Amino acid sequence: MSGLSGLVSGGLWLSAAISKRFSDELSALVGRKVRVVLSGGACFEGIVVALNPADYSIWLSDVREKDGGVYDKVFISGRSIECLFVLEAGPDLSKLAERLNKVFPNMVRYIKEADVIIVMDRIRVTRDGVVEGTGPAAERVKKIYEEWLSEETKA
């Protein structure tokens, strides 16, 4: 029976890991442009500004409806979502992590699942820039981020 209980507990761990991965992917949608197709056939495109992981409901801003309607914000119930497409994934943070690692060797961690870079265990960088950290090192990271973003948006 110990083999079966090990299998079950291993399966529970795997299930929790998969659930966390799903939650991380969902959280990474904030700030991205998406297309949402509803079960009734309606289709909206906009920027995800908030979401509720409990029921998958989302708030979109700068919204365009497929029939031409334009809205400042739209709330969409998770129960009505049939498909969700990411239209703009944004620049690849792994490239920024590589660049930062050249300036701060062996002090940079890129956490792909959370789409975040940690520098010196105290400076946190997302697609929005430096979101945590102060001081000269944070200012240097911010400058590198701004240069990188400028190059990425030109490409």
Protein backbone atom coordinates (compact mmCIF):
# COMPACT_ATOMS: atom_id res chain seq x y z
CA MET A 1 0.00 0.00 0.00
CA SER A 2 2.94 2.35 0.57
CA GLY A 3 3.59 2.33 -3.19
CA LEU A 4 0.02 3.49 -3.85
CA SER A 5 0.16 6.19 -1.17
CA GLY A 6 3.47 7.44 -2.63
CA LEU A 7 1.85 7.58 -6.04
CA VAL A 8 -1.12 9.49 -4.68
CA SER A 9 1.01 11.98 -2.75
CA GLY A 10 3.27 12.39 -5.79
CA GLY A 11 0.17 13.00 -7.91
CA LEU A 12 -1.08 15.61 -5.45
CA TRP A 13 2.27 17.41 -5.59
CA LEU A 14 2.21 17.35 -9.39
CA SER A 15 -1.36 18.63 -9.39
CA ALA A 16 -0.39 21.51 -7.10
CA ALA A 17 2.61 22.35 -9.31
CA ILE A 18 0.43 22.36 -12.43
CA SER A 19 -2.19 24.48 -10.68
CA LYS A 20 0.50 27.00 -9.64
CA ARG A 21 1.84 27.10 -13.20
CA PHE A 22 -1.67 27.82 -14.51
CA SER A 23 -2.10 30.58 -11.93
CA ASP A 24 1.29 32.08 -12.89
CA GLU A 25 0.35 32.06 -16.58
CA LEU A 26 -2.97 33.70 -15.79
CA SER A 27 -1.29 36.40 -13.70
CA ALA A 28 1.15 37.08 -16.54
CA LEU A 29 -1.80 38.23 -18.68
CA VAL A 30 -2.11 41.50 -16.74
CA GLY A 31 -0.91 44.31 -18.96
CA ARG A 32 -1.11 42.28 -22.15
CA LYS A 33 -3.36 42.76 -25.15
CA VAL A 34 -5.77 39.84 -25.58
CA ARG A 35 -8.75 38.76 -27.67
CA VAL A 36 -11.58 37.19 -25.70
CA VAL A 37 -14.24 35.12 -27.46
CA LEU A 38 -17.40 34.58 -25.45
CA SER A 39 -19.66 31.54 -25.60
CA GLY A 40 -22.42 33.68 -27.15
CA GLY A 41 -20.11 34.64 -30.04
CA ALA A 42 -19.15 38.16 -28.92
CA CYS A 43 -15.47 39.01 -29.30
CA PHE A 44 -13.48 41.72 -27.48
CA GLU A 45 -9.88 42.91 -27.76
CA GLY A 46 -8.22 44.93 -25.04
CA ILE A 47 -5.59 45.17 -22.34
CA VAL A 48 -6.04 42.95 -19.27
CA VAL A 49 -6.02 45.28 -16.24
CA ALA A 50 -7.32 42.87 -13.59
CA LEU A 51 -8.44 39.29 -13.22
CA ASN A 52 -9.95 37.00 -10.65
CA PRO A 53 -8.22 33.61 -10.59
CA ALA A 54 -11.08 32.12 -8.59
CA ASP A 55 -13.58 32.36 -11.45
CA TYR A 56 -11.39 33.62 -14.36
CA SER A 57 -13.33 36.87 -14.71
CA ILE A 58 -11.32 39.71 -16.25
CA TRP A 59 -11.38 43.47 -16.70
CA LEU A 60 -10.22 44.81 -20.07
CA SER A 61 -9.36 48.42 -20.87
CA ASP A 62 -9.13 50.18 -24.25
CA VAL A 63 -11.60 47.64 -25.60
CA ARG A 64 -12.72 47.08 -29.18
CA GLU A 65 -15.64 44.82 -30.00
CA LYS A 66 -15.53 42.83 -33.26
CA ASP A 67 -18.55 44.77 -34.58
CA GLY A 68 -16.70 48.08 -34.09
CA GLY A 69 -17.82 49.16 -30.62
CA VAL A 70 -15.17 50.94 -28.53
CA TYR A 71 -15.24 51.00 -24.73
CA ASP A 72 -13.04 52.37 -21.97
CA LYS A 73 -13.43 49.25 -19.79
CA VAL A 74 -15.32 45.98 -20.01
CA PHE A 75 -15.87 43.35 -17.32
CA ILE A 76 -16.13 39.79 -18.62
CA SER A 77 -17.42 36.95 -16.45
CA GLY A 78 -15.18 33.92 -16.52
CA ARG A 79 -18.20 31.68 -17.06
CA SER A 80 -18.82 33.25 -20.46
CA ILE A 81 -15.26 33.00 -21.80
CA GLU A 82 -14.84 30.38 -24.50
CA CYS A 83 -11.35 31.32 -25.75
CA LEU A 84 -8.66 33.81 -24.84
CA PHE A 85 -5.81 34.71 -27.20
CA VAL A 86 -2.70 36.68 -26.25
CA LEU A 87 -2.16 39.18 -29.06
CA GLU A 88 0.87 41.01 -27.69
CA ALA A 89 3.13 38.96 -25.49
CA GLY A 90 5.53 41.85 -25.05
CA PRO A 91 9.30 41.74 -25.16
CA ASP A 92 11.21 38.68 -23.94
CA LEU A 93 12.53 39.33 -20.43
CA SER A 94 15.13 36.57 -20.76
CA LYS A 95 17.13 38.88 -23.05
CA LEU A 96 17.03 41.61 -20.42
CA ALA A 97 18.14 39.11 -17.78
CA GLU A 98 21.15 38.19 -19.93
CA ARG A 99 22.07 41.86 -20.30
CA LEU A 100 21.69 42.50 -16.57
CA ASN A 101 23.83 39.44 -15.81
CA LYS A 102 26.71 41.05 -17.73
CA VAL A 103 26.56 44.07 -15.42
CA PHE A 104 25.70 42.13 -12.24
CA PRO A 105 27.43 38.74 -12.79
CA ASN A 106 25.84 35.82 -10.95
CA MET A 107 23.41 38.17 -9.13
CA VAL A 108 20.50 37.91 -11.57
CA ARG A 109 17.65 35.37 -11.48
CA TYR A 110 14.99 35.23 -14.17
CA ILE A 111 11.82 33.50 -12.98
CA LYS A 112 10.07 32.68 -16.24
CA GLU A 113 6.84 31.40 -14.63
CA ALA A 114 6.30 34.72 -12.87
CA ASP A 115 7.85 36.77 -15.71
CA VAL A 116 10.09 38.60 -13.23
CA ILE A 117 13.80 39.28 -12.87
CA ILE A 118 15.40 39.52 -9.42
CA VAL A 119 18.71 41.37 -9.18
CA MET A 120 20.88 41.07 -6.05
CA ASP A 121 17.89 39.50 -4.22
CA ARG A 122 16.40 42.97 -3.70
CA ILE A 123 15.63 44.58 -7.07
CA ARG A 124 12.54 43.28 -8.86
CA VAL A 125 12.01 43.91 -12.58
CA THR A 126 8.90 43.14 -14.64
CA ARG A 127 7.78 44.18 -18.11
CA ASP A 128 6.72 47.45 -16.46
CA GLY A 129 10.26 48.21 -15.25
CA VAL A 130 11.83 48.27 -11.79
CA VAL A 131 8.94 47.64 -9.40
CA GLU A 132 10.95 47.08 -6.20
CA GLY A 133 14.31 48.33 -5.04
CA THR A 134 16.03 51.65 -4.44
CA GLY A 135 19.53 53.03 -4.47
CA PRO A 136 22.33 53.22 -7.03
CA ALA A 137 22.03 49.58 -8.12
CA ALA A 138 18.29 49.97 -8.74
CA GLU A 139 18.95 53.15 -10.72
CA ARG A 140 21.50 51.26 -12.85
CA VAL A 141 19.01 48.43 -13.43
CA LYS A 142 16.36 51.00 -14.40
CA LYS A 143 18.71 52.60 -16.94
CA ILE A 144 19.57 49.21 -18.46
CA TYR A 145 15.84 48.35 -18.59
CA GLU A 146 15.00 51.62 -20.37
CA GLU A 147 17.77 51.10 -22.96
CA TRP A 148 16.66 47.50 -23.53
CA LEU A 149 12.98 48.48 -23.86
CA SER A 150 13.83 51.22 -26.34
CA GLU A 151 15.74 48.71 -28.48
CA GLU A 152 12.98 46.07 -28.22
CA THR A 153 10.20 48.46 -29.24
CA LYS A 154 12.16 49.60 -32.30
CA ALA A 155 12.57 46.01 -33.54
